[in-house]
PDB file of N, CA and C in Angstrom:
ATOM      1  N   MET A   1       7.001  15.882 -14.869  1.00  0.00           N
ATOM      2  CA  MET A   1       6.209  15.578 -13.714  1.00  0.00           C
ATOM      3  C   MET A   1       5.465  14.272 -13.909  1.00  0.00           C
ATOM      4  N   ALA A   2       5.059  14.014 -15.182  1.00  0.00           N
ATOM      5  CA  ALA A   2       4.345  12.740 -15.413  1.00  0.00           C
ATOM      6  C   ALA A   2       5.179  11.521 -15.144  1.00  0.00           C
ATOM      7  N   THR A   3       6.484  11.625 -15.428  1.00  0.00           N
ATOM      8  CA  THR A   3       7.377  10.537 -15.211  1.00  0.00           C
ATOM      9  C   THR A   3       7.584  10.356 -13.651  1.00  0.00           C
ATOM     10  N   LEU A   4       7.637  11.468 -12.934  1.00  0.00           N
ATOM     11  CA  LEU A   4       7.796  11.378 -11.470  1.00  0.00           C
ATOM     12  C   LEU A   4       6.478  10.689 -10.913  1.00  0.00           C
ATOM     13  N   ALA A   5       5.351  11.114 -11.383  1.00  0.00           N
ATOM     14  CA  ALA A   5       4.049  10.495 -10.927  1.00  0.00           C
ATOM     15  C   ALA A   5       3.997   9.009 -11.154  1.00  0.00           C
ATOM     16  N   SER A   6       4.444   8.610 -12.365  1.00  0.00           N
ATOM     17  CA  SER A   6       4.432   7.204 -12.687  1.00  0.00           C
ATOM     18  C   SER A   6       5.446   6.437 -11.822  1.00  0.00           C
ATOM     19  N   LEU A   7       6.618   7.015 -11.586  1.00  0.00           N
ATOM     20  CA  LEU A   7       7.612   6.348 -10.703  1.00  0.00           C
ATOM     21  C   LEU A   7       7.098   6.222  -9.305  1.00  0.00           C
ATOM     22  N   LEU A   8       6.448   7.263  -8.797  1.00  0.00           N
ATOM     23  CA  LEU A   8       5.873   7.180  -7.415  1.00  0.00           C
ATOM     24  C   LEU A   8       4.781   6.103  -7.372  1.00  0.00           C
ATOM     25  N   ILE A   9       3.929   6.056  -8.343  1.00  0.00           N
ATOM     26  CA  ILE A   9       2.842   5.023  -8.370  1.00  0.00           C
ATOM     27  C   ILE A   9       3.507   3.648  -8.407  1.00  0.00           C
ATOM     28  N   LEU A  10       4.508   3.469  -9.268  1.00  0.00           N
ATOM     29  CA  LEU A  10       5.162   2.149  -9.365  1.00  0.00           C
ATOM     30  C   LEU A  10       5.846   1.837  -8.006  1.00  0.00           C
ATOM     31  N   LEU A  11       6.497   2.768  -7.396  1.00  0.00           N
ATOM     32  CA  LEU A  11       7.105   2.554  -6.120  1.00  0.00           C
ATOM     33  C   LEU A  11       6.105   2.079  -5.046  1.00  0.00           C
ATOM     34  N   ILE A  12       4.969   2.715  -4.998  1.00  0.00           N
ATOM     35  CA  ILE A  12       3.949   2.362  -4.095  1.00  0.00           C
ATOM     36  C   ILE A  12       3.344   0.998  -4.377  1.00  0.00           C
ATOM     37  N   ALA A  13       3.252   0.687  -5.655  1.00  0.00           N
ATOM     38  CA  ALA A  13       2.799  -0.661  -6.025  1.00  0.00           C
ATOM     39  C   ALA A  13       3.764  -1.717  -5.570  1.00  0.00           C
ATOM     40  N   VAL A  14       5.039  -1.530  -5.736  1.00  0.00           N
ATOM     41  CA  VAL A  14       6.015  -2.406  -5.254  1.00  0.00           C
ATOM     42  C   VAL A  14       5.957  -2.563  -3.746  1.00  0.00           C
ATOM     43  N   LEU A  15       5.793  -1.454  -3.000  1.00  0.00           N
ATOM     44  CA  LEU A  15       5.588  -1.505  -1.604  1.00  0.00           C
ATOM     45  C   LEU A  15       4.486  -2.365  -1.165  1.00  0.00           C
ATOM     46  N   HIS A  16       3.309  -2.273  -1.875  1.00  0.00           N
ATOM     47  CA  HIS A  16       2.147  -3.086  -1.549  1.00  0.00           C
ATOM     48  C   HIS A  16       2.324  -4.521  -1.980  1.00  0.00           C
ATOM     49  N   ILE A  17       3.165  -4.830  -2.948  1.00  0.00           N
ATOM     50  CA  ILE A  17       3.509  -6.217  -3.239  1.00  0.00           C
ATOM     51  C   ILE A  17       4.283  -6.836  -2.122  1.00  0.00           C
ATOM     52  N   TYR A  18       5.200  -6.014  -1.574  1.00  0.00           N
ATOM     53  CA  TYR A  18       5.989  -6.446  -0.389  1.00  0.00           C
ATOM     54  C   TYR A  18       5.079  -6.727   0.788  1.00  0.00           C
ATOM     55  N   ILE A  19       4.143  -5.733   1.023  1.00  0.00           N
ATOM     56  CA  ILE A  19       3.208  -5.900   2.204  1.00  0.00           C
ATOM     57  C   ILE A  19       2.369  -7.179   1.972  1.00  0.00           C
ATOM     58  N   MET A  20       1.921  -7.384   0.727  1.00  0.00           N
ATOM     59  CA  MET A  20       1.131  -8.603   0.430  1.00  0.00           C
ATOM     60  C   MET A  20       1.966  -9.827   0.736  1.00  0.00           C
ATOM     61  N   TRP A  21       3.176  -9.903   0.314  1.00  0.00           N
ATOM     62  CA  TRP A  21       4.055 -11.084   0.584  1.00  0.00           C
ATOM     63  C   TRP A  21       4.206 -11.281   2.105  1.00  0.00           C
ATOM     64  N   PHE A  22       4.514 -10.138   2.800  1.00  0.00           N
ATOM     65  CA  PHE A  22       4.743 -10.256   4.226  1.00  0.00           C
ATOM     66  C   PHE A  22       3.535 -10.755   4.951  1.00  0.00           C
ATOM     67  N   GLU A  23       2.333 -10.193   4.639  1.00  0.00           N
ATOM     68  CA  GLU A  23       1.131 -10.556   5.334  1.00  0.00           C
ATOM     69  C   GLU A  23       0.602 -11.987   4.955  1.00  0.00           C
ATOM     70  N   MET A  24       0.865 -12.392   3.705  1.00  0.00           N
ATOM     71  CA  MET A  24       0.308 -13.668   3.309  1.00  0.00           C
ATOM     72  C   MET A  24       1.311 -14.809   3.559  1.00  0.00           C
ATOM     73  N   PHE A  25       2.605 -14.549   3.455  1.00  0.00           N
ATOM     74  CA  PHE A  25       3.548 -15.664   3.517  1.00  0.00           C
ATOM     75  C   PHE A  25       4.601 -15.601   4.595  1.00  0.00           C
ATOM     76  N   ALA A  26       4.841 -14.407   5.208  1.00  0.00           N
ATOM     77  CA  ALA A  26       5.835 -14.300   6.229  1.00  0.00           C
ATOM     78  C   ALA A  26       5.355 -13.743   7.565  1.00  0.00           C
ATOM     79  N   TRP A  27       4.048 -13.786   7.743  1.00  0.00           N
ATOM     80  CA  TRP A  27       3.420 -13.196   8.952  1.00  0.00           C
ATOM     81  C   TRP A  27       4.005 -13.806  10.253  1.00  0.00           C
ATOM     82  N   GLU A  28       4.103 -15.119  10.187  1.00  0.00           N
ATOM     83  CA  GLU A  28       4.549 -15.797  11.488  1.00  0.00           C
ATOM     84  C   GLU A  28       6.052 -15.695  11.693  1.00  0.00           C
ATOM     85  N   SER A  29       6.814 -15.713  10.572  1.00  0.00           N
ATOM     86  CA  SER A  29       8.291 -15.678  10.668  1.00  0.00           C
ATOM     87  C   SER A  29       8.836 -14.280  10.860  1.00  0.00           C
ATOM     88  N   ARG A  30       8.349 -13.357  10.161  1.00  0.00           N
ATOM     89  CA  ARG A  30       8.892 -11.949  10.210  1.00  0.00           C
ATOM     90  C   ARG A  30       8.048 -11.048  11.073  1.00  0.00           C
ATOM     91  N   GLY A  31       6.788 -11.379  11.238  1.00  0.00           N
ATOM     92  CA  GLY A  31       5.880 -10.491  11.991  1.00  0.00           C
ATOM     93  C   GLY A  31       6.404 -10.153  13.390  1.00  0.00           C
ATOM     94  N   PRO A  32       6.808 -11.102  14.157  1.00  0.00           N
ATOM     95  CA  PRO A  32       7.303 -10.780  15.538  1.00  0.00           C
ATOM     96  C   PRO A  32       8.502  -9.821  15.501  1.00  0.00           C
ATOM     97  N   LYS A  33       9.314  -9.919  14.474  1.00  0.00           N
ATOM     98  CA  LYS A  33      10.436  -8.986  14.387  1.00  0.00           C
ATOM     99  C   LYS A  33      10.061  -7.601  14.006  1.00  0.00           C
ATOM    100  N   ILE A  34       9.096  -7.500  13.106  1.00  0.00           N
ATOM    101  CA  ILE A  34       8.698  -6.194  12.594  1.00  0.00           C
ATOM    102  C   ILE A  34       7.778  -5.476  13.668  1.00  0.00           C
ATOM    103  N   PHE A  35       6.929  -6.317  14.265  1.00  0.00           N
ATOM    104  CA  PHE A  35       5.979  -5.726  15.256  1.00  0.00           C
ATOM    105  C   PHE A  35       6.393  -6.316  16.646  1.00  0.00           C
ATOM    106  N   GLY A  36       7.526  -5.805  17.081  1.00  0.00           N
ATOM    107  CA  GLY A  36       8.115  -6.258  18.377  1.00  0.00           C
ATOM    108  C   GLY A  36       7.269  -5.930  19.573  1.00  0.00           C
ATOM    109  N   ASN A  37       6.423  -4.958  19.405  1.00  0.00           N
ATOM    110  CA  ASN A  37       5.569  -4.570  20.568  1.00  0.00           C
ATOM    111  C   ASN A  37       4.369  -5.514  20.812  1.00  0.00           C
ATOM    112  N   LEU A  38       4.153  -6.481  19.853  1.00  0.00           N
ATOM    113  CA  LEU A  38       3.037  -7.415  20.031  1.00  0.00           C
ATOM    114  C   LEU A  38       3.540  -8.750  20.526  1.00  0.00           C
ATOM    115  N   ASN A  39       2.643  -9.453  21.262  1.00  0.00           N
ATOM    116  CA  ASN A  39       3.054 -10.814  21.680  1.00  0.00           C
ATOM    117  C   ASN A  39       3.307 -11.749  20.556  1.00  0.00           C
ATOM    118  N   ALA A  40       4.360 -12.498  20.598  1.00  0.00           N
ATOM    119  CA  ALA A  40       4.676 -13.465  19.510  1.00  0.00           C
ATOM    120  C   ALA A  40       3.608 -14.534  19.379  1.00  0.00           C
ATOM    121  N   ASP A  41       2.955 -14.842  20.448  1.00  0.00           N
ATOM    122  CA  ASP A  41       1.958 -15.918  20.350  1.00  0.00           C
ATOM    123  C   ASP A  41       0.694 -15.531  19.507  1.00  0.00           C
ATOM    124  N   MET A  42       0.551 -14.240  19.299  1.00  0.00           N
ATOM    125  CA  MET A  42      -0.610 -13.839  18.524  1.00  0.00           C
ATOM    126  C   MET A  42      -0.485 -14.028  17.003  1.00  0.00           C
ATOM    127  N   PHE A  43       0.739 -14.185  16.536  1.00  0.00           N
ATOM    128  CA  PHE A  43       0.896 -14.230  15.109  1.00  0.00           C
ATOM    129  C   PHE A  43       0.346 -15.518  14.466  1.00  0.00           C
ATOM    130  N   PRO A  44       0.535 -16.707  15.105  1.00  0.00           N
ATOM    131  CA  PRO A  44      -0.181 -17.888  14.552  1.00  0.00           C
ATOM    132  C   PRO A  44      -1.721 -17.755  14.614  1.00  0.00           C
ATOM    133  N   LYS A  45      -2.171 -17.086  15.653  1.00  0.00           N
ATOM    134  CA  LYS A  45      -3.643 -16.946  15.796  1.00  0.00           C
ATOM    135  C   LYS A  45      -4.289 -16.017  14.785  1.00  0.00           C
ATOM    136  N   THR A  46      -3.464 -15.083  14.300  1.00  0.00           N
ATOM    137  CA  THR A  46      -3.955 -14.091  13.345  1.00  0.00           C
ATOM    138  C   THR A  46      -3.478 -14.250  11.923  1.00  0.00           C
ATOM    139  N   LYS A  47      -2.975 -15.478  11.631  1.00  0.00           N
ATOM    140  CA  LYS A  47      -2.402 -15.723  10.303  1.00  0.00           C
ATOM    141  C   LYS A  47      -3.412 -15.538   9.211  1.00  0.00           C
ATOM    142  N   ALA A  48      -4.613 -16.057   9.369  1.00  0.00           N
ATOM    143  CA  ALA A  48      -5.639 -15.986   8.352  1.00  0.00           C
ATOM    144  C   ALA A  48      -6.044 -14.512   8.141  1.00  0.00           C
ATOM    145  N   MET A  49      -6.216 -13.757   9.254  1.00  0.00           N
ATOM    146  CA  MET A  49      -6.570 -12.376   9.145  1.00  0.00           C
ATOM    147  C   MET A  49      -5.489 -11.575   8.368  1.00  0.00           C
ATOM    148  N   ALA A  50      -4.246 -11.842   8.681  1.00  0.00           N
ATOM    149  CA  ALA A  50      -3.189 -11.172   8.005  1.00  0.00           C
ATOM    150  C   ALA A  50      -3.124 -11.491   6.545  1.00  0.00           C
ATOM    151  N   ALA A  51      -3.366 -12.790   6.195  1.00  0.00           N
ATOM    152  CA  ALA A  51      -3.372 -13.156   4.771  1.00  0.00           C
ATOM    153  C   ALA A  51      -4.501 -12.471   3.999  1.00  0.00           C
ATOM    154  N   ASN A  52      -5.642 -12.264   4.645  1.00  0.00           N
ATOM    155  CA  ASN A  52      -6.752 -11.528   4.023  1.00  0.00           C
ATOM    156  C   ASN A  52      -6.334 -10.126   3.813  1.00  0.00           C
ATOM    157  N   GLN A  53      -5.702  -9.502   4.763  1.00  0.00           N
ATOM    158  CA  GLN A  53      -5.227  -8.105   4.531  1.00  0.00           C
ATOM    159  C   GLN A  53      -4.186  -8.130   3.442  1.00  0.00           C
ATOM    160  N   GLY A  54      -3.341  -9.126   3.394  1.00  0.00           N
ATOM    161  CA  GLY A  54      -2.307  -9.186   2.368  1.00  0.00           C
ATOM    162  C   GLY A  54      -3.013  -9.252   0.933  1.00  0.00           C
ATOM    163  N   LEU A  55      -4.005 -10.014   0.852  1.00  0.00           N
ATOM    164  CA  LEU A  55      -4.728 -10.097  -0.412  1.00  0.00           C
ATOM    165  C   LEU A  55      -5.260  -8.755  -0.899  1.00  0.00           C
ATOM    166  N   TYR A  56      -5.778  -8.023   0.042  1.00  0.00           N
ATOM    167  CA  TYR A  56      -6.227  -6.600  -0.324  1.00  0.00           C
ATOM    168  C   TYR A  56      -5.090  -5.773  -0.766  1.00  0.00           C
ATOM    169  N   ASN A  57      -3.939  -5.895  -0.125  1.00  0.00           N
ATOM    170  CA  ASN A  57      -2.735  -5.134  -0.569  1.00  0.00           C
ATOM    171  C   ASN A  57      -2.310  -5.551  -1.926  1.00  0.00           C
ATOM    172  N   GLY A  58      -2.478  -6.837  -2.251  1.00  0.00           N
ATOM    173  CA  GLY A  58      -2.161  -7.307  -3.626  1.00  0.00           C
ATOM    174  C   GLY A  58      -3.117  -6.664  -4.637  1.00  0.00           C
ATOM    175  N   PHE A  59      -4.398  -6.553  -4.279  1.00  0.00           N
ATOM    176  CA  PHE A  59      -5.335  -5.921  -5.160  1.00  0.00           C
ATOM    177  C   PHE A  59      -4.956  -4.387  -5.359  1.00  0.00           C
ATOM    178  N   LEU A  60      -4.545  -3.727  -4.314  1.00  0.00           N
ATOM    179  CA  LEU A  60      -4.141  -2.295  -4.451  1.00  0.00           C
ATOM    180  C   LEU A  60      -2.957  -2.201  -5.362  1.00  0.00           C
ATOM    181  N   ALA A  61      -1.964  -3.106  -5.212  1.00  0.00           N
ATOM    182  CA  ALA A  61      -0.781  -3.065  -6.134  1.00  0.00           C
ATOM    183  C   ALA A  61      -1.226  -3.308  -7.596  1.00  0.00           C
ATOM    184  N   ALA A  62      -2.127  -4.318  -7.753  1.00  0.00           N
ATOM    185  CA  ALA A  62      -2.501  -4.616  -9.089  1.00  0.00           C
ATOM    186  C   ALA A  62      -3.244  -3.402  -9.729  1.00  0.00           C
ATOM    187  N   SER A  63      -4.119  -2.705  -8.975  1.00  0.00           N
ATOM    188  CA  SER A  63      -4.758  -1.553  -9.457  1.00  0.00           C
ATOM    189  C   SER A  63      -3.834  -0.435  -9.877  1.00  0.00           C
ATOM    190  N   LEU A  64      -2.780  -0.288  -9.082  1.00  0.00           N
ATOM    191  CA  LEU A  64      -1.815   0.781  -9.461  1.00  0.00           C
ATOM    192  C   LEU A  64      -1.054   0.467 -10.694  1.00  0.00           C
ATOM    193  N   VAL A  65      -0.660  -0.788 -10.843  1.00  0.00           N
ATOM    194  CA  VAL A  65      -0.019  -1.170 -12.076  1.00  0.00           C
ATOM    195  C   VAL A  65      -0.940  -1.010 -13.232  1.00  0.00           C
ATOM    196  N   TRP A  66      -2.223  -1.433 -13.048  1.00  0.00           N
ATOM    197  CA  TRP A  66      -3.235  -1.281 -14.092  1.00  0.00           C
ATOM    198  C   TRP A  66      -3.323   0.179 -14.516  1.00  0.00           C
ATOM    199  N   SER A  67      -3.335   1.118 -13.550  1.00  0.00           N
ATOM    200  CA  SER A  67      -3.441   2.519 -13.868  1.00  0.00           C
ATOM    201  C   SER A  67      -2.343   3.045 -14.836  1.00  0.00           C
ATOM    202  N   LEU A  68      -1.164   2.357 -14.668  1.00  0.00           N
ATOM    203  CA  LEU A  68      -0.019   2.769 -15.540  1.00  0.00           C
ATOM    204  C   LEU A  68      -0.116   2.153 -16.915  1.00  0.00           C
ATOM    205  N   LEU A  69      -0.997   1.129 -17.099  1.00  0.00           N
ATOM    206  CA  LEU A  69      -1.073   0.442 -18.396  1.00  0.00           C
ATOM    207  C   LEU A  69      -2.257   0.942 -19.269  1.00  0.00           C
ATOM    208  N   ILE A  70      -3.082   1.807 -18.725  1.00  0.00           N
ATOM    209  CA  ILE A  70      -4.245   2.340 -19.407  1.00  0.00           C
ATOM    210  C   ILE A  70      -3.756   3.406 -20.412  1.00  0.00           C
ATOM    211  N   ASN A  71      -4.114   3.232 -21.658  1.00  0.00           N
ATOM    212  CA  ASN A  71      -3.638   4.181 -22.713  1.00  0.00           C
ATOM    213  C   ASN A  71      -4.275   5.480 -22.701  1.00  0.00           C
ATOM    214  N   ASP A  72      -5.559   5.583 -22.331  1.00  0.00           N
ATOM    215  CA  ASP A  72      -6.271   6.900 -22.266  1.00  0.00           C
ATOM    216  C   ASP A  72      -5.751   7.708 -21.080  1.00  0.00           C
ATOM    217  N   ALA A  73      -5.176   8.872 -21.318  1.00  0.00           N
ATOM    218  CA  ALA A  73      -4.557   9.596 -20.199  1.00  0.00           C
ATOM    219  C   ALA A  73      -5.555   9.948 -19.135  1.00  0.00           C
ATOM    220  N   ALA A  74      -6.713  10.387 -19.495  1.00  0.00           N
ATOM    221  CA  ALA A  74      -7.743  10.798 -18.457  1.00  0.00           C
ATOM    222  C   ALA A  74      -8.166   9.624 -17.609  1.00  0.00           C
ATOM    223  N   TRP A  75      -8.388   8.549 -18.242  1.00  0.00           N
ATOM    224  CA  TRP A  75      -8.828   7.264 -17.535  1.00  0.00           C
ATOM    225  C   TRP A  75      -7.676   6.886 -16.586  1.00  0.00           C
ATOM    226  N   SER A  76      -6.454   6.838 -17.151  1.00  0.00           N
ATOM    227  CA  SER A  76      -5.334   6.444 -16.341  1.00  0.00           C
ATOM    228  C   SER A  76      -5.184   7.300 -15.084  1.00  0.00           C
ATOM    229  N   GLN A  77      -5.341   8.617 -15.290  1.00  0.00           N
ATOM    230  CA  GLN A  77      -5.224   9.484 -14.173  1.00  0.00           C
ATOM    231  C   GLN A  77      -6.315   9.317 -13.179  1.00  0.00           C
ATOM    232  N   ASN A  78      -7.582   9.133 -13.649  1.00  0.00           N
ATOM    233  CA  ASN A  78      -8.624   8.906 -12.708  1.00  0.00           C
ATOM    234  C   ASN A  78      -8.514   7.640 -11.911  1.00  0.00           C
ATOM    235  N   VAL A  79      -8.131   6.570 -12.548  1.00  0.00           N
ATOM    236  CA  VAL A  79      -7.909   5.246 -11.869  1.00  0.00           C
ATOM    237  C   VAL A  79      -6.797   5.426 -10.817  1.00  0.00           C
ATOM    238  N   ALA A  80      -5.674   6.036 -11.227  1.00  0.00           N
ATOM    239  CA  ALA A  80      -4.552   6.260 -10.336  1.00  0.00           C
ATOM    240  C   ALA A  80      -4.951   7.123  -9.156  1.00  0.00           C
ATOM    241  N   LEU A  81      -5.691   8.175  -9.378  1.00  0.00           N
ATOM    242  CA  LEU A  81      -6.052   9.060  -8.298  1.00  0.00           C
ATOM    243  C   LEU A  81      -7.003   8.311  -7.323  1.00  0.00           C
ATOM    244  N   PHE A  82      -7.924   7.528  -7.826  1.00  0.00           N
ATOM    245  CA  PHE A  82      -8.844   6.761  -6.952  1.00  0.00           C
ATOM    246  C   PHE A  82      -8.072   5.822  -6.018  1.00  0.00           C
ATOM    247  N   PHE A  83      -7.196   4.976  -6.628  1.00  0.00           N
ATOM    248  CA  PHE A  83      -6.498   4.036  -5.835  1.00  0.00           C
ATOM    249  C   PHE A  83      -5.405   4.625  -4.936  1.00  0.00           C
ATOM    250  N   ARG A  84      -4.865   5.765  -5.374  1.00  0.00           N
ATOM    251  CA  ARG A  84      -3.935   6.530  -4.474  1.00  0.00           C
ATOM    252  C   ARG A  84      -4.688   6.998  -3.256  1.00  0.00           C
ATOM    253  N   ALA A  85      -5.892   7.560  -3.496  1.00  0.00           N
ATOM    254  CA  ALA A  85      -6.702   7.984  -2.354  1.00  0.00           C
ATOM    255  C   ALA A  85      -7.017   6.838  -1.442  1.00  0.00           C
ATOM    256  N   CYS A  86      -7.291   5.701  -1.979  1.00  0.00           N
ATOM    257  CA  CYS A  86      -7.597   4.488  -1.170  1.00  0.00           C
ATOM    258  C   CYS A  86      -6.354   4.184  -0.233  1.00  0.00           C
ATOM    259  N   VAL A  87      -5.218   4.206  -0.820  1.00  0.00           N
ATOM    260  CA  VAL A  87      -3.937   3.943  -0.027  1.00  0.00           C
ATOM    261  C   VAL A  87      -3.741   5.025   0.987  1.00  0.00           C
ATOM    262  N   PHE A  88      -3.991   6.251   0.613  1.00  0.00           N
ATOM    263  CA  PHE A  88      -3.796   7.404   1.533  1.00  0.00           C
ATOM    264  C   PHE A  88      -4.732   7.235   2.720  1.00  0.00           C
ATOM    265  N   VAL A  89      -5.981   6.935   2.499  1.00  0.00           N
ATOM    266  CA  VAL A  89      -6.953   6.811   3.567  1.00  0.00           C
ATOM    267  C   VAL A  89      -6.590   5.556   4.453  1.00  0.00           C
ATOM    268  N   ALA A  90      -6.211   4.471   3.808  1.00  0.00           N
ATOM    269  CA  ALA A  90      -5.785   3.274   4.591  1.00  0.00           C
ATOM    270  C   ALA A  90      -4.625   3.571   5.419  1.00  0.00           C
ATOM    271  N   GLY A  91      -3.700   4.407   4.974  1.00  0.00           N
ATOM    272  CA  GLY A  91      -2.531   4.772   5.747  1.00  0.00           C
ATOM    273  C   GLY A  91      -2.939   5.638   6.963  1.00  0.00           C
ATOM    274  N   LEU A  92      -3.879   6.526   6.745  1.00  0.00           N
ATOM    275  CA  LEU A  92      -4.319   7.377   7.904  1.00  0.00           C
ATOM    276  C   LEU A  92      -5.057   6.509   8.930  1.00  0.00           C
ATOM    277  N   TYR A  93      -5.870   5.566   8.485  1.00  0.00           N
ATOM    278  CA  TYR A  93      -6.557   4.645   9.410  1.00  0.00           C
ATOM    279  C   TYR A  93      -5.586   3.800  10.152  1.00  0.00           C
ATOM    280  N   GLY A  94      -4.610   3.236   9.423  1.00  0.00           N
ATOM    281  CA  GLY A  94      -3.611   2.485  10.106  1.00  0.00           C
ATOM    282  C   GLY A  94      -2.743   3.233  11.075  1.00  0.00           C
ATOM    283  N   ALA A  95      -2.451   4.508  10.783  1.00  0.00           N
ATOM    284  CA  ALA A  95      -1.719   5.383  11.692  1.00  0.00           C
ATOM    285  C   ALA A  95      -2.563   5.604  12.946  1.00  0.00           C
ATOM    286  N   ALA A  96      -3.873   5.805  12.793  1.00  0.00           N
ATOM    287  CA  ALA A  96      -4.733   6.077  13.934  1.00  0.00           C
ATOM    288  C   ALA A  96      -4.956   4.878  14.753  1.00  0.00           C
ATOM    289  N   THR A  97      -4.919   3.682  14.193  1.00  0.00           N
ATOM    290  CA  THR A  97      -5.345   2.481  14.907  1.00  0.00           C
ATOM    291  C   THR A  97      -4.256   1.500  15.252  1.00  0.00           C
ATOM    292  N   VAL A  98      -3.104   1.600  14.517  1.00  0.00           N
ATOM    293  CA  VAL A  98      -2.049   0.549  14.729  1.00  0.00           C
ATOM    294  C   VAL A  98      -0.732   1.214  15.096  1.00  0.00           C
ATOM    295  N   SER A  99      -0.165   2.045  14.167  1.00  0.00           N
ATOM    296  CA  SER A  99       1.144   2.667  14.366  1.00  0.00           C
ATOM    297  C   SER A  99       1.240   3.909  13.564  1.00  0.00           C
ATOM    298  N   LYS A 100       1.816   5.002  14.138  1.00  0.00           N
ATOM    299  CA  LYS A 100       2.003   6.271  13.427  1.00  0.00           C
ATOM    300  C   LYS A 100       2.903   6.075  12.202  1.00  0.00           C
ATOM    301  N   ARG A 101       3.800   5.082  12.285  1.00  0.00           N
ATOM    302  CA  ARG A 101       4.716   4.797  11.237  1.00  0.00           C
ATOM    303  C   ARG A 101       4.020   4.453   9.897  1.00  0.00           C
ATOM    304  N   ILE A 102       2.829   3.871  10.008  1.00  0.00           N
ATOM    305  CA  ILE A 102       2.053   3.544   8.744  1.00  0.00           C
ATOM    306  C   ILE A 102       1.779   4.789   7.911  1.00  0.00           C
ATOM    307  N   MET A 103       1.558   5.911   8.592  1.00  0.00           N
ATOM    308  CA  MET A 103       1.314   7.163   7.900  1.00  0.00           C
ATOM    309  C   MET A 103       2.485   7.494   6.973  1.00  0.00           C
ATOM    310  N   TYR A 104       3.692   7.333   7.528  1.00  0.00           N
ATOM    311  CA  TYR A 104       4.844   7.715   6.753  1.00  0.00           C
ATOM    312  C   TYR A 104       5.155   6.670   5.652  1.00  0.00           C
ATOM    313  N   VAL A 105       4.784   5.451   5.866  1.00  0.00           N
ATOM    314  CA  VAL A 105       5.090   4.425   4.854  1.00  0.00           C
ATOM    315  C   VAL A 105       3.997   4.446   3.755  1.00  0.00           C
ATOM    316  N   GLN A 106       2.734   4.760   4.090  1.00  0.00           N
ATOM    317  CA  GLN A 106       1.627   4.647   3.135  1.00  0.00           C
ATOM    318  C   GLN A 106       1.111   6.053   2.758  1.00  0.00           C
ATOM    319  N   SER A 107       0.729   6.834   3.666  1.00  0.00           N
ATOM    320  CA  SER A 107      -0.015   8.033   3.327  1.00  0.00           C
ATOM    321  C   SER A 107       0.871   9.126   2.718  1.00  0.00           C
ATOM    322  N   VAL A 108       2.056   9.288   3.263  1.00  0.00           N
ATOM    323  CA  VAL A 108       2.956  10.284   2.737  1.00  0.00           C
ATOM    324  C   VAL A 108       3.307  10.020   1.277  1.00  0.00           C
ATOM    325  N   PRO A 109       3.849   8.810   0.935  1.00  0.00           N
ATOM    326  CA  PRO A 109       4.140   8.530  -0.480  1.00  0.00           C
ATOM    327  C   PRO A 109       2.880   8.602  -1.383  1.00  0.00           C
ATOM    328  N   SER A 110       1.776   8.184  -0.844  1.00  0.00           N
ATOM    329  CA  SER A 110       0.511   8.250  -1.638  1.00  0.00           C
ATOM    330  C   SER A 110       0.132   9.715  -1.921  1.00  0.00           C
ATOM    331  N   GLY A 111       0.282  10.529  -0.898  1.00  0.00           N
ATOM    332  CA  GLY A 111      -0.045  11.950  -1.010  1.00  0.00           C
ATOM    333  C   GLY A 111       0.889  12.635  -2.072  1.00  0.00           C
ATOM    334  N   LEU A 112       2.181  12.271  -1.944  1.00  0.00           N
ATOM    335  CA  LEU A 112       3.203  12.859  -2.947  1.00  0.00           C
ATOM    336  C   LEU A 112       2.828  12.377  -4.366  1.00  0.00           C
ATOM    337  N   ALA A 113       2.358  11.120  -4.506  1.00  0.00           N
ATOM    338  CA  ALA A 113       2.072  10.615  -5.807  1.00  0.00           C
ATOM    339  C   ALA A 113       0.826  11.324  -6.396  1.00  0.00           C
ATOM    340  N   VAL A 114      -0.111  11.650  -5.511  1.00  0.00           N
ATOM    341  CA  VAL A 114      -1.342  12.359  -5.927  1.00  0.00           C
ATOM    342  C   VAL A 114      -0.942  13.764  -6.384  1.00  0.00           C
ATOM    343  N   ILE A 115      -0.143  14.421  -5.608  1.00  0.00           N
ATOM    344  CA  ILE A 115       0.295  15.827  -5.983  1.00  0.00           C
ATOM    345  C   ILE A 115       1.099  15.751  -7.311  1.00  0.00           C
ATOM    346  N   ALA A 116       1.998  14.828  -7.454  1.00  0.00           N
ATOM    347  CA  ALA A 116       2.768  14.728  -8.704  1.00  0.00           C
ATOM    348  C   ALA A 116       1.793  14.448  -9.872  1.00  0.00           C
ATOM    349  N   LEU A 117       0.834  13.615  -9.653  1.00  0.00           N
ATOM    350  CA  LEU A 117      -0.162  13.256 -10.732  1.00  0.00           C
ATOM    351  C   LEU A 117      -0.993  14.467 -11.106  1.00  0.00           C
ATOM    352  N   LEU A 118      -1.427  15.160 -10.137  1.00  0.00           N
ATOM    353  CA  LEU A 118      -2.206  16.414 -10.397  1.00  0.00           C
ATOM    354  C   LEU A 118      -1.408  17.498 -11.070  1.00  0.00           C
ATOM    355  N   LEU A 119      -0.149  17.575 -10.816  1.00  0.00           N
ATOM    356  CA  LEU A 119       0.717  18.552 -11.434  1.00  0.00           C
ATOM    357  C   LEU A 119       1.206  18.168 -12.821  1.00  0.00           C
ATOM    358  N   SER A 120       1.046  16.911 -13.169  1.00  0.00           N
ATOM    359  CA  SER A 120       1.517  16.428 -14.481  1.00  0.00           C
ATOM    360  C   SER A 120       0.562  16.785 -15.640  1.00  0.00           C
TER     361      SER A 120
END
């Protein structure tokens, strides 16, 4: 179970690295394709805001990788649980305010990682 928990944490970190790249560097080019329900003219206007969000996603990814590198098992688990909970809550907020799909992309994998971590 510990291996599964670590793999889920790593998978979620990779997802957040992708989100960071998308929001910081591809917001104007790929944003209109991914968020087809939004007006294309808003992407240049919100570029700085998206980049700021991307930076936070990068911090989340870094924290998850960090949790895997901590040698003390208790500390590693506590750090991983805290940042998993952060991603879980962010996914719920995104689902409530932006798109229900965010819950499936962020909250569900985070919740599974928390469960796997607690069972390991």
